[in-house]
């Protein structure tokens, strides 16, 4: 299970399911079973939205996106698949991710710096 060990303004440290700690300072997508660092996602791109839907989360947490910049039509696309969407600061997102993972929830965190 992937969990967040620590975070700062420009870095997230993740303990992977192999019990290895890795520091990242570039965008990433994290779930309890996936760590994707080679793909950036855009909420303006239908292909990226479809990619996130295929991960089948219960909740998507986006970091560093202002609510006014998150189009309602995109939220509706996720909600049509019973996927909740949350927009949070990096710290709040990391804490929420770890809490939901500890509860066994299907959560995907999209980290942007």
PDB file of N, CA and C in Angstrom:
ATOM      1  N   UNK A   1       0.845  -1.174   0.000  1.00  0.00           N
ATOM      2  CA  UNK A   1       0.000   0.000   0.000  1.00  0.00           C
ATOM      3  C   UNK A   1       0.895   1.244   0.000  1.00  0.00           C
ATOM      4  N   UNK A   2       0.632   2.162  -0.905  1.00  0.00           N
ATOM      5  CA  UNK A   2       1.391   3.410  -0.979  1.00  0.00           C
ATOM      6  C   UNK A   2       0.844   4.411   0.032  1.00  0.00           C
ATOM      7  N   UNK A   3       1.736   5.002   0.802  1.00  0.00           N
ATOM      8  CA  UNK A   3       1.315   6.028   1.757  1.00  0.00           C
ATOM      9  C   UNK A   3       2.283   7.198   1.711  1.00  0.00           C
ATOM     10  N   UNK A   4       1.801   8.341   2.136  1.00  0.00           N
ATOM     11  CA  UNK A   4       2.623   9.548   2.158  1.00  0.00           C
ATOM     12  C   UNK A   4       3.278   9.655   3.521  1.00  0.00           C
ATOM     13  N   UNK A   5       4.595   9.768   3.506  1.00  0.00           N
ATOM     14  CA  UNK A   5       5.377   9.851   4.734  1.00  0.00           C
ATOM     15  C   UNK A   5       5.538  11.306   5.167  1.00  0.00           C
ATOM     16  N   UNK A   6       5.798  12.183   4.182  1.00  0.00           N
ATOM     17  CA  UNK A   6       5.949  13.603   4.490  1.00  0.00           C
ATOM     18  C   UNK A   6       5.717  14.406   3.215  1.00  0.00           C
ATOM     19  N   UNK A   7       5.580  15.716   3.402  1.00  0.00           N
ATOM     20  CA  UNK A   7       5.371  16.612   2.271  1.00  0.00           C
ATOM     21  C   UNK A   7       5.889  17.989   2.639  1.00  0.00           C
ATOM     22  N   UNK A   8       6.229  18.739   1.629  1.00  0.00           N
ATOM     23  CA  UNK A   8       6.661  20.122   1.788  1.00  0.00           C
ATOM     24  C   UNK A   8       6.122  20.911   0.617  1.00  0.00           C
ATOM     25  N   UNK A   9       6.524  22.162   0.493  1.00  0.00           N
ATOM     26  CA  UNK A   9       6.002  23.005  -0.584  1.00  0.00           C
ATOM     27  C   UNK A   9       6.260  22.416  -1.963  1.00  0.00           C
ATOM     28  N   UNK A  10       7.386  21.772  -2.151  1.00  0.00           N
ATOM     29  CA  UNK A  10       7.768  21.278  -3.466  1.00  0.00           C
ATOM     30  C   UNK A  10       8.183  19.812  -3.478  1.00  0.00           C
ATOM     31  N   UNK A  11       7.689  19.028  -2.516  1.00  0.00           N
ATOM     32  CA  UNK A  11       8.108  17.630  -2.460  1.00  0.00           C
ATOM     33  C   UNK A  11       7.094  16.795  -1.688  1.00  0.00           C
ATOM     34  N   UNK A  12       6.954  15.560  -2.148  1.00  0.00           N
ATOM     35  CA  UNK A  12       6.153  14.562  -1.447  1.00  0.00           C
ATOM     36  C   UNK A  12       7.021  13.326  -1.301  1.00  0.00           C
ATOM     37  N   UNK A  13       7.057  12.755  -0.099  1.00  0.00           N
ATOM     38  CA  UNK A  13       7.805  11.521   0.138  1.00  0.00           C
ATOM     39  C   UNK A  13       6.792  10.404   0.336  1.00  0.00           C
ATOM     40  N   UNK A  14       6.951   9.363  -0.469  1.00  0.00           N
ATOM     41  CA  UNK A  14       6.001   8.255  -0.477  1.00  0.00           C
ATOM     42  C   UNK A  14       6.708   6.983  -0.045  1.00  0.00           C
ATOM     43  N   UNK A  15       6.053   6.212   0.819  1.00  0.00           N
ATOM     44  CA  UNK A  15       6.524   4.867   1.156  1.00  0.00           C
ATOM     45  C   UNK A  15       5.698   3.918   0.300  1.00  0.00           C
ATOM     46  N   UNK A  16       6.372   3.206  -0.583  1.00  0.00           N
ATOM     47  CA  UNK A  16       5.676   2.322  -1.508  1.00  0.00           C
ATOM     48  C   UNK A  16       5.272   1.023  -0.825  1.00  0.00           C
ATOM     49  N   UNK A  17       4.501   0.227  -1.539  1.00  0.00           N
ATOM     50  CA  UNK A  17       4.079  -1.064  -1.000  1.00  0.00           C
ATOM     51  C   UNK A  17       5.263  -1.994  -0.758  1.00  0.00           C
ATOM     52  N   UNK A  18       6.416  -1.690  -1.383  1.00  0.00           N
ATOM     53  CA  UNK A  18       7.651  -2.460  -1.153  1.00  0.00           C
ATOM     54  C   UNK A  18       8.452  -1.920   0.025  1.00  0.00           C
ATOM     55  N   UNK A  19       7.865  -0.973   0.771  1.00  0.00           N
ATOM     56  CA  UNK A  19       8.490  -0.350   1.940  1.00  0.00           C
ATOM     57  C   UNK A  19       9.733   0.463   1.577  1.00  0.00           C
ATOM     58  N   UNK A  20       9.718   1.076   0.401  1.00  0.00           N
ATOM     59  CA  UNK A  20      10.799   1.946  -0.053  1.00  0.00           C
ATOM     60  C   UNK A  20      10.285   3.376  -0.023  1.00  0.00           C
ATOM     61  N   UNK A  21      11.079   4.291   0.535  1.00  0.00           N
ATOM     62  CA  UNK A  21      10.684   5.698   0.564  1.00  0.00           C
ATOM     63  C   UNK A  21      11.304   6.431  -0.625  1.00  0.00           C
ATOM     64  N   UNK A  22      10.453   7.130  -1.365  1.00  0.00           N
ATOM     65  CA  UNK A  22      10.868   7.866  -2.555  1.00  0.00           C
ATOM     66  C   UNK A  22      10.359   9.297  -2.472  1.00  0.00           C
ATOM     67  N   UNK A  23      11.223  10.246  -2.815  1.00  0.00           N
ATOM     68  CA  UNK A  23      10.839  11.665  -2.813  1.00  0.00           C
ATOM     69  C   UNK A  23      10.543  12.102  -4.241  1.00  0.00           C
ATOM     70  N   UNK A  24       9.461  12.859  -4.401  1.00  0.00           N
ATOM     71  CA  UNK A  24       9.054  13.361  -5.717  1.00  0.00           C
ATOM     72  C   UNK A  24       8.845  14.861  -5.646  1.00  0.00           C
ATOM     73  N   UNK A  25       9.312  15.541  -6.676  1.00  0.00           N
ATOM     74  CA  UNK A  25       9.079  16.981  -6.762  1.00  0.00           C
ATOM     75  C   UNK A  25       8.499  17.350  -8.128  1.00  0.00           C
ATOM     76  N   UNK A  26       7.891  16.350  -8.779  1.00  0.00           N
ATOM     77  CA  UNK A  26       7.199  16.597 -10.029  1.00  0.00           C
ATOM     78  C   UNK A  26       5.772  16.038  -9.904  1.00  0.00           C
ATOM     79  N   UNK A  27       4.894  16.403 -10.823  1.00  0.00           N
ATOM     80  CA  UNK A  27       3.514  15.912 -10.740  1.00  0.00           C
ATOM     81  C   UNK A  27       3.456  14.388 -10.707  1.00  0.00           C
ATOM     82  N   UNK A  28       2.475  13.869  -9.975  1.00  0.00           N
ATOM     83  CA  UNK A  28       2.294  12.427  -9.908  1.00  0.00           C
ATOM     84  C   UNK A  28       0.842  12.092  -9.609  1.00  0.00           C
ATOM     85  N   UNK A  29       0.522  10.838  -9.859  1.00  0.00           N
ATOM     86  CA  UNK A  29      -0.801  10.294  -9.549  1.00  0.00           C
ATOM     87  C   UNK A  29      -0.557   9.137  -8.600  1.00  0.00           C
ATOM     88  N   UNK A  30      -1.241   9.153  -7.467  1.00  0.00           N
ATOM     89  CA  UNK A  30      -0.996   8.164  -6.424  1.00  0.00           C
ATOM     90  C   UNK A  30      -2.305   7.521  -5.980  1.00  0.00           C
ATOM     91  N   UNK A  31      -2.278   6.206  -5.866  1.00  0.00           N
ATOM     92  CA  UNK A  31      -3.377   5.464  -5.260  1.00  0.00           C
ATOM     93  C   UNK A  31      -2.747   4.427  -4.342  1.00  0.00           C
ATOM     94  N   UNK A  32      -3.530   3.701  -3.576  1.00  0.00           N
ATOM     95  CA  UNK A  32      -2.928   2.695  -2.704  1.00  0.00           C
ATOM     96  C   UNK A  32      -2.103   1.657  -3.458  1.00  0.00           C
ATOM     97  N   UNK A  33      -2.440   1.406  -4.726  1.00  0.00           N
ATOM     98  CA  UNK A  33      -1.746   0.367  -5.483  1.00  0.00           C
ATOM     99  C   UNK A  33      -0.963   0.881  -6.689  1.00  0.00           C
ATOM    100  N   UNK A  34      -1.096   2.161  -7.022  1.00  0.00           N
ATOM    101  CA  UNK A  34      -0.422   2.723  -8.198  1.00  0.00           C
ATOM    102  C   UNK A  34       0.357   3.977  -7.838  1.00  0.00           C
ATOM    103  N   UNK A  35       1.510   4.103  -8.473  1.00  0.00           N
ATOM    104  CA  UNK A  35       2.304   5.323  -8.393  1.00  0.00           C
ATOM    105  C   UNK A  35       2.705   5.648  -9.822  1.00  0.00           C
ATOM    106  N   UNK A  36       2.106   6.698 -10.371  1.00  0.00           N
ATOM    107  CA  UNK A  36       2.300   7.046 -11.772  1.00  0.00           C
ATOM    108  C   UNK A  36       3.003   8.397 -11.829  1.00  0.00           C
ATOM    109  N   UNK A  37       4.222   8.389 -12.356  1.00  0.00           N
ATOM    110  CA  UNK A  37       5.002   9.620 -12.408  1.00  0.00           C
ATOM    111  C   UNK A  37       5.255  10.095 -13.829  1.00  0.00           C
ATOM    112  N   UNK A  38       4.929   9.280 -14.802  1.00  0.00           N
ATOM    113  CA  UNK A  38       5.239   9.632 -16.181  1.00  0.00           C
ATOM    114  C   UNK A  38       4.033  10.191 -16.939  1.00  0.00           C
ATOM    115  N   UNK A  39       2.986  10.561 -16.224  1.00  0.00           N
ATOM    116  CA  UNK A  39       1.782  11.076 -16.873  1.00  0.00           C
ATOM    117  C   UNK A  39       1.284  12.280 -16.104  1.00  0.00           C
ATOM    118  N   UNK A  40       1.144  13.365 -16.802  1.00  0.00           N
ATOM    119  CA  UNK A  40       0.495  14.521 -16.203  1.00  0.00           C
ATOM    120  C   UNK A  40      -0.940  14.543 -16.700  1.00  0.00           C
ATOM    121  N   UNK A  41      -1.822  15.055 -15.909  1.00  0.00           N
ATOM    122  CA  UNK A  41      -3.226  15.089 -16.307  1.00  0.00           C
ATOM    123  C   UNK A  41      -3.708  16.520 -16.378  1.00  0.00           C
ATOM    124  N   UNK A  42      -4.620  16.715 -17.284  1.00  0.00           N
ATOM    125  CA  UNK A  42      -5.238  18.022 -17.450  1.00  0.00           C
ATOM    126  C   UNK A  42      -6.743  17.839 -17.344  1.00  0.00           C
ATOM    127  N   UNK A  43      -7.388  18.696 -16.600  1.00  0.00           N
ATOM    128  CA  UNK A  43      -8.837  18.597 -16.485  1.00  0.00           C
ATOM    129  C   UNK A  43      -9.534  19.148 -17.720  1.00  0.00           C
ATOM    130  N   UNK A  44      -8.753  19.657 -18.667  1.00  0.00           N
ATOM    131  CA  UNK A  44      -9.304  20.157 -19.921  1.00  0.00           C
ATOM    132  C   UNK A  44      -9.189  19.130 -21.038  1.00  0.00           C
ATOM    133  N   UNK A  45      -8.676  17.947 -20.743  1.00  0.00           N
ATOM    134  CA  UNK A  45      -8.392  16.947 -21.762  1.00  0.00           C
ATOM    135  C   UNK A  45      -9.259  15.710 -21.508  1.00  0.00           C
ATOM    136  N   UNK A  46     -10.128  15.364 -22.456  1.00  0.00           N
ATOM    137  CA  UNK A  46     -11.025  14.220 -22.281  1.00  0.00           C
ATOM    138  C   UNK A  46     -10.273  12.904 -22.108  1.00  0.00           C
ATOM    139  N   UNK A  47      -9.132  12.763 -22.762  1.00  0.00           N
ATOM    140  CA  UNK A  47      -8.335  11.541 -22.631  1.00  0.00           C
ATOM    141  C   UNK A  47      -7.823  11.385 -21.195  1.00  0.00           C
ATOM    142  N   UNK A  48      -7.379  12.473 -20.593  1.00  0.00           N
ATOM    143  CA  UNK A  48      -6.894  12.422 -19.208  1.00  0.00           C
ATOM    144  C   UNK A  48      -8.033  12.145 -18.232  1.00  0.00           C
ATOM    145  N   UNK A  49      -9.183  12.725 -18.490  1.00  0.00           N
ATOM    146  CA  UNK A  49     -10.350  12.466 -17.640  1.00  0.00           C
ATOM    147  C   UNK A  49     -10.720  10.991 -17.718  1.00  0.00           C
ATOM    148  N   UNK A  50     -10.728  10.429 -18.928  1.00  0.00           N
ATOM    149  CA  UNK A  50     -11.034   9.007 -19.109  1.00  0.00           C
ATOM    150  C   UNK A  50     -10.005   8.132 -18.381  1.00  0.00           C
ATOM    151  N   UNK A  51      -8.731   8.535 -18.423  1.00  0.00           N
ATOM    152  CA  UNK A  51      -7.677   7.789 -17.726  1.00  0.00           C
ATOM    153  C   UNK A  51      -7.971   7.729 -16.229  1.00  0.00           C
ATOM    154  N   UNK A  52      -8.329   8.866 -15.635  1.00  0.00           N
ATOM    155  CA  UNK A  52      -8.620   8.904 -14.199  1.00  0.00           C
ATOM    156  C   UNK A  52      -9.861   8.076 -13.867  1.00  0.00           C
ATOM    157  N   UNK A  53     -10.854   8.110 -14.717  1.00  0.00           N
ATOM    158  CA  UNK A  53     -12.070   7.310 -14.491  1.00  0.00           C
ATOM    159  C   UNK A  53     -11.729   5.825 -14.516  1.00  0.00           C
ATOM    160  N   UNK A  54     -10.828   5.404 -15.403  1.00  0.00           N
ATOM    161  CA  UNK A  54     -10.442   3.991 -15.506  1.00  0.00           C
ATOM    162  C   UNK A  54      -9.744   3.476 -14.258  1.00  0.00           C
ATOM    163  N   UNK A  55      -9.197   4.375 -13.456  1.00  0.00           N
ATOM    164  CA  UNK A  55      -8.574   3.957 -12.191  1.00  0.00           C
ATOM    165  C   UNK A  55      -9.624   3.538 -11.154  1.00  0.00           C
ATOM    166  N   UNK A  56     -10.884   3.857 -11.410  1.00  0.00           N
ATOM    167  CA  UNK A  56     -12.044   3.476 -10.586  1.00  0.00           C
ATOM    168  C   UNK A  56     -11.948   3.906  -9.121  1.00  0.00           C
ATOM    169  N   UNK A  57     -11.618   5.164  -8.896  1.00  0.00           N
ATOM    170  CA  UNK A  57     -11.594   5.627  -7.496  1.00  0.00           C
ATOM    171  C   UNK A  57     -13.001   5.942  -6.988  1.00  0.00           C
ATOM    172  N   UNK A  58     -13.121   5.972  -5.676  1.00  0.00           N
ATOM    173  CA  UNK A  58     -14.325   6.518  -5.051  1.00  0.00           C
ATOM    174  C   UNK A  58     -14.185   8.032  -4.962  1.00  0.00           C
ATOM    175  N   UNK A  59     -12.945   8.462  -4.738  1.00  0.00           N
ATOM    176  CA  UNK A  59     -12.647   9.884  -4.550  1.00  0.00           C
ATOM    177  C   UNK A  59     -11.384  10.245  -5.314  1.00  0.00           C
ATOM    178  N   UNK A  60     -11.433  11.375  -6.013  1.00  0.00           N
ATOM    179  CA  UNK A  60     -10.252  11.979  -6.635  1.00  0.00           C
ATOM    180  C   UNK A  60      -9.912  13.220  -5.836  1.00  0.00           C
ATOM    181  N   UNK A  61      -8.656  13.350  -5.444  1.00  0.00           N
ATOM    182  CA  UNK A  61      -8.215  14.551  -4.744  1.00  0.00           C
ATOM    183  C   UNK A  61      -7.200  15.263  -5.625  1.00  0.00           C
ATOM    184  N   UNK A  62      -7.507  16.470  -6.017  1.00  0.00           N
ATOM    185  CA  UNK A  62      -6.606  17.291  -6.816  1.00  0.00           C
ATOM    186  C   UNK A  62      -5.937  18.312  -5.905  1.00  0.00           C
ATOM    187  N   UNK A  63      -4.634  18.483  -6.057  1.00  0.00           N
ATOM    188  CA  UNK A  63      -3.936  19.505  -5.286  1.00  0.00           C
ATOM    189  C   UNK A  63      -3.734  20.747  -6.137  1.00  0.00           C
ATOM    190  N   UNK A  64      -3.695  21.854  -5.456  1.00  0.00           N
ATOM    191  CA  UNK A  64      -3.329  23.140  -6.055  1.00  0.00           C
ATOM    192  C   UNK A  64      -4.166  23.539  -7.269  1.00  0.00           C
ATOM    193  N   UNK A  65      -5.452  23.248  -7.214  1.00  0.00           N
ATOM    194  CA  UNK A  65      -6.394  23.752  -8.217  1.00  0.00           C
ATOM    195  C   UNK A  65      -7.423  24.584  -7.472  1.00  0.00           C
ATOM    196  N   UNK A  66      -7.607  25.786  -7.923  1.00  0.00           N
ATOM    197  CA  UNK A  66      -8.608  26.668  -7.324  1.00  0.00           C
ATOM    198  C   UNK A  66      -9.981  26.252  -7.843  1.00  0.00           C
ATOM    199  N   UNK A  67     -10.956  26.208  -6.960  1.00  0.00           N
ATOM    200  CA  UNK A  67     -12.292  25.751  -7.338  1.00  0.00           C
ATOM    201  C   UNK A  67     -12.845  26.496  -8.541  1.00  0.00           C
ATOM    202  N   UNK A  68     -12.554  27.769  -8.651  1.00  0.00           N
ATOM    203  CA  UNK A  68     -13.076  28.549  -9.770  1.00  0.00           C
ATOM    204  C   UNK A  68     -12.450  28.135 -11.105  1.00  0.00           C
ATOM    205  N   UNK A  69     -11.341  27.397 -11.061  1.00  0.00           N
ATOM    206  CA  UNK A  69     -10.696  26.916 -12.282  1.00  0.00           C
ATOM    207  C   UNK A  69     -11.051  25.468 -12.604  1.00  0.00           C
ATOM    208  N   UNK A  70     -11.941  24.879 -11.830  1.00  0.00           N
ATOM    209  CA  UNK A  70     -12.354  23.493 -12.051  1.00  0.00           C
ATOM    210  C   UNK A  70     -13.738  23.513 -12.684  1.00  0.00           C
ATOM    211  N   UNK A  71     -13.823  23.251 -13.996  1.00  0.00           N
ATOM    212  CA  UNK A  71     -15.106  23.381 -14.694  1.00  0.00           C
ATOM    213  C   UNK A  71     -16.183  22.447 -14.149  1.00  0.00           C
ATOM    214  N   UNK A  72     -17.388  22.963 -13.933  1.00  0.00           N
ATOM    215  CA  UNK A  72     -18.491  22.113 -13.454  1.00  0.00           C
ATOM    216  C   UNK A  72     -18.756  20.914 -14.363  1.00  0.00           C
ATOM    217  N   UNK A  73     -18.560  21.063 -15.670  1.00  0.00           N
ATOM    218  CA  UNK A  73     -18.807  19.942 -16.583  1.00  0.00           C
ATOM    219  C   UNK A  73     -17.837  18.791 -16.328  1.00  0.00           C
ATOM    220  N   UNK A  74     -16.628  19.093 -15.855  1.00  0.00           N
ATOM    221  CA  UNK A  74     -15.658  18.039 -15.541  1.00  0.00           C
ATOM    222  C   UNK A  74     -16.090  17.321 -14.273  1.00  0.00           C
ATOM    223  N   UNK A  75     -16.498  18.063 -13.276  1.00  0.00           N
ATOM    224  CA  UNK A  75     -16.998  17.450 -12.031  1.00  0.00           C
ATOM    225  C   UNK A  75     -18.172  16.524 -12.350  1.00  0.00           C
ATOM    226  N   UNK A  76     -19.048  16.960 -13.249  1.00  0.00           N
ATOM    227  CA  UNK A  76     -20.215  16.172 -13.639  1.00  0.00           C
ATOM    228  C   UNK A  76     -19.794  14.857 -14.300  1.00  0.00           C
ATOM    229  N   UNK A  77     -18.737  14.891 -15.103  1.00  0.00           N
ATOM    230  CA  UNK A  77     -18.240  13.661 -15.746  1.00  0.00           C
ATOM    231  C   UNK A  77     -17.798  12.647 -14.697  1.00  0.00           C
ATOM    232  N   UNK A  78     -17.098  13.110 -13.672  1.00  0.00           N
ATOM    233  CA  UNK A  78     -16.671  12.198 -12.611  1.00  0.00           C
ATOM    234  C   UNK A  78     -17.861  11.716 -11.793  1.00  0.00           C
ATOM    235  N   UNK A  79     -18.754  12.606 -11.454  1.00  0.00           N
ATOM    236  CA  UNK A  79     -19.924  12.230 -10.655  1.00  0.00           C
ATOM    237  C   UNK A  79     -20.809  11.226 -11.383  1.00  0.00           C
ATOM    238  N   UNK A  80     -20.830  11.266 -12.714  1.00  0.00           N
ATOM    239  CA  UNK A  80     -21.598  10.298 -13.495  1.00  0.00           C
ATOM    240  C   UNK A  80     -21.073   8.875 -13.302  1.00  0.00           C
ATOM    241  N   UNK A  81     -19.832   8.757 -12.831  1.00  0.00           N
ATOM    242  CA  UNK A  81     -19.211   7.463 -12.544  1.00  0.00           C
ATOM    243  C   UNK A  81     -19.101   7.224 -11.038  1.00  0.00           C
ATOM    244  N   UNK A  82     -19.882   7.964 -10.256  1.00  0.00           N
ATOM    245  CA  UNK A  82     -19.897   7.854  -8.792  1.00  0.00           C
ATOM    246  C   UNK A  82     -18.527   8.127  -8.182  1.00  0.00           C
ATOM    247  N   UNK A  83     -17.813   9.099  -8.761  1.00  0.00           N
ATOM    248  CA  UNK A  83     -16.492   9.494  -8.263  1.00  0.00           C
ATOM    249  C   UNK A  83     -16.611  10.888  -7.659  1.00  0.00           C
ATOM    250  N   UNK A  84     -16.306  10.997  -6.380  1.00  0.00           N
ATOM    251  CA  UNK A  84     -16.292  12.293  -5.725  1.00  0.00           C
ATOM    252  C   UNK A  84     -15.019  13.043  -6.080  1.00  0.00           C
ATOM    253  N   UNK A  85     -15.102  14.360  -6.092  1.00  0.00           N
ATOM    254  CA  UNK A  85     -13.959  15.206  -6.430  1.00  0.00           C
ATOM    255  C   UNK A  85     -13.719  16.193  -5.302  1.00  0.00           C
ATOM    256  N   UNK A  86     -12.471  16.265  -4.865  1.00  0.00           N
ATOM    257  CA  UNK A  86     -12.075  17.231  -3.841  1.00  0.00           C
ATOM    258  C   UNK A  86     -10.887  18.032  -4.349  1.00  0.00           C
ATOM    259  N   UNK A  87     -10.863  19.308  -4.043  1.00  0.00           N
ATOM    260  CA  UNK A  87      -9.765  20.205  -4.393  1.00  0.00           C
ATOM    261  C   UNK A  87      -9.166  20.707  -3.096  1.00  0.00           C
ATOM    262  N   UNK A  88      -7.862  20.468  -2.891  1.00  0.00           N
ATOM    263  CA  UNK A  88      -7.244  20.799  -1.610  1.00  0.00           C
ATOM    264  C   UNK A  88      -5.826  21.316  -1.792  1.00  0.00           C
ATOM    265  N   UNK A  89      -5.350  21.963  -0.755  1.00  0.00           N
ATOM    266  CA  UNK A  89      -3.930  22.303  -0.710  1.00  0.00           C
ATOM    267  C   UNK A  89      -3.145  21.006  -0.575  1.00  0.00           C
ATOM    268  N   UNK A  90      -1.858  21.058  -0.848  1.00  0.00           N
ATOM    269  CA  UNK A  90      -1.040  19.850  -0.803  1.00  0.00           C
ATOM    270  C   UNK A  90      -1.084  19.178   0.568  1.00  0.00           C
ATOM    271  N   UNK A  91      -0.917  19.937   1.623  1.00  0.00           N
ATOM    272  CA  UNK A  91      -0.910  19.354   2.969  1.00  0.00           C
ATOM    273  C   UNK A  91      -2.224  18.676   3.314  1.00  0.00           C
ATOM    274  N   UNK A  92      -3.318  19.359   3.079  1.00  0.00           N
ATOM    275  CA  UNK A  92      -4.634  18.782   3.369  1.00  0.00           C
ATOM    276  C   UNK A  92      -4.882  17.546   2.522  1.00  0.00           C
ATOM    277  N   UNK A  93      -4.465  17.598   1.260  1.00  0.00           N
ATOM    278  CA  UNK A  93      -4.657  16.464   0.358  1.00  0.00           C
ATOM    279  C   UNK A  93      -3.867  15.243   0.830  1.00  0.00           C
ATOM    280  N   UNK A  94      -2.638  15.444   1.253  1.00  0.00           N
ATOM    281  CA  UNK A  94      -1.800  14.336   1.729  1.00  0.00           C
ATOM    282  C   UNK A  94      -2.393  13.705   2.981  1.00  0.00           C
ATOM    283  N   UNK A  95      -2.823  14.522   3.915  1.00  0.00           N
ATOM    284  CA  UNK A  95      -3.423  13.993   5.147  1.00  0.00           C
ATOM    285  C   UNK A  95      -4.722  13.245   4.845  1.00  0.00           C
ATOM    286  N   UNK A  96      -5.540  13.797   3.972  1.00  0.00           N
ATOM    287  CA  UNK A  96      -6.812  13.163   3.616  1.00  0.00           C
ATOM    288  C   UNK A  96      -6.566  11.854   2.874  1.00  0.00           C
ATOM    289  N   UNK A  97      -5.612  11.865   1.951  1.00  0.00           N
ATOM    290  CA  UNK A  97      -5.259  10.637   1.233  1.00  0.00           C
ATOM    291  C   UNK A  97      -4.899   9.527   2.222  1.00  0.00           C
ATOM    292  N   UNK A  98      -3.981   9.801   3.150  1.00  0.00           N
ATOM    293  CA  UNK A  98      -3.561   8.779   4.115  1.00  0.00           C
ATOM    294  C   UNK A  98      -4.724   8.285   4.960  1.00  0.00           C
ATOM    295  N   UNK A  99      -5.592   9.182   5.373  1.00  0.00           N
ATOM    296  CA  UNK A  99      -6.754   8.788   6.171  1.00  0.00           C
ATOM    297  C   UNK A  99      -7.662   7.858   5.372  1.00  0.00           C
ATOM    298  N   UNK A 100      -7.972   8.233   4.139  1.00  0.00           N
ATOM    299  CA  UNK A 100      -8.857   7.400   3.314  1.00  0.00           C
ATOM    300  C   UNK A 100      -8.226   6.048   2.998  1.00  0.00           C
ATOM    301  N   UNK A 101      -6.925   6.026   2.753  1.00  0.00           N
ATOM    302  CA  UNK A 101      -6.232   4.755   2.507  1.00  0.00           C
ATOM    303  C   UNK A 101      -6.314   3.872   3.746  1.00  0.00           C
ATOM    304  N   UNK A 102      -6.128   4.455   4.927  1.00  0.00           N
ATOM    305  CA  UNK A 102      -6.181   3.663   6.165  1.00  0.00           C
ATOM    306  C   UNK A 102      -7.566   3.071   6.398  1.00  0.00           C
ATOM    307  N   UNK A 103      -8.581   3.695   5.816  1.00  0.00           N
ATOM    308  CA  UNK A 103      -9.958   3.184   5.914  1.00  0.00           C
ATOM    309  C   UNK A 103     -10.279   2.174   4.812  1.00  0.00           C
ATOM    310  N   UNK A 104      -9.302   1.918   3.935  1.00  0.00           N
ATOM    311  CA  UNK A 104      -9.518   0.972   2.855  1.00  0.00           C
ATOM    312  C   UNK A 104     -10.296   1.545   1.682  1.00  0.00           C
ATOM    313  N   UNK A 105     -10.368   2.862   1.586  1.00  0.00           N
ATOM    314  CA  UNK A 105     -11.115   3.508   0.502  1.00  0.00           C
ATOM    315  C   UNK A 105     -10.297   3.546  -0.778  1.00  0.00           C
ATOM    316  N   UNK A 106     -10.986   3.608  -1.902  1.00  0.00           N
ATOM    317  CA  UNK A 106     -10.348   3.719  -3.221  1.00  0.00           C
ATOM    318  C   UNK A 106     -10.188   5.195  -3.539  1.00  0.00           C
ATOM    319  N   UNK A 107      -9.002   5.706  -3.297  1.00  0.00           N
ATOM    320  CA  UNK A 107      -8.717   7.134  -3.473  1.00  0.00           C
ATOM    321  C   UNK A 107      -7.564   7.296  -4.449  1.00  0.00           C
ATOM    322  N   UNK A 108      -7.641   8.342  -5.249  1.00  0.00           N
ATOM    323  CA  UNK A 108      -6.555   8.705  -6.153  1.00  0.00           C
ATOM    324  C   UNK A 108      -6.203  10.157  -5.886  1.00  0.00           C
ATOM    325  N   UNK A 109      -4.917  10.398  -5.681  1.00  0.00           N
ATOM    326  CA  UNK A 109      -4.403  11.736  -5.414  1.00  0.00           C
ATOM    327  C   UNK A 109      -3.641  12.216  -6.632  1.00  0.00           C
ATOM    328  N   UNK A 110      -3.989  13.392  -7.138  1.00  0.00           N
ATOM    329  CA  UNK A 110      -3.294  13.990  -8.252  1.00  0.00           C
ATOM    330  C   UNK A 110      -2.505  15.162  -7.697  1.00  0.00           C
ATOM    331  N   UNK A 111      -1.173  15.016  -7.643  1.00  0.00           N
ATOM    332  CA  UNK A 111      -0.299  16.030  -7.047  1.00  0.00           C
ATOM    333  C   UNK A 111       0.256  16.916  -8.141  1.00  0.00           C
ATOM    334  N   UNK A 112       0.087  18.221  -7.952  1.00  0.00           N
ATOM    335  CA  UNK A 112       0.660  19.228  -8.840  1.00  0.00           C
ATOM    336  C   UNK A 112       1.392  20.230  -7.966  1.00  0.00           C
ATOM    337  N   UNK A 113       2.559  20.638  -8.406  1.00  0.00           N
ATOM    338  CA  UNK A 113       3.330  21.618  -7.648  1.00  0.00           C
ATOM    339  C   UNK A 113       3.254  22.967  -8.330  1.00  0.00           C
TER     340      UNK A 113
END
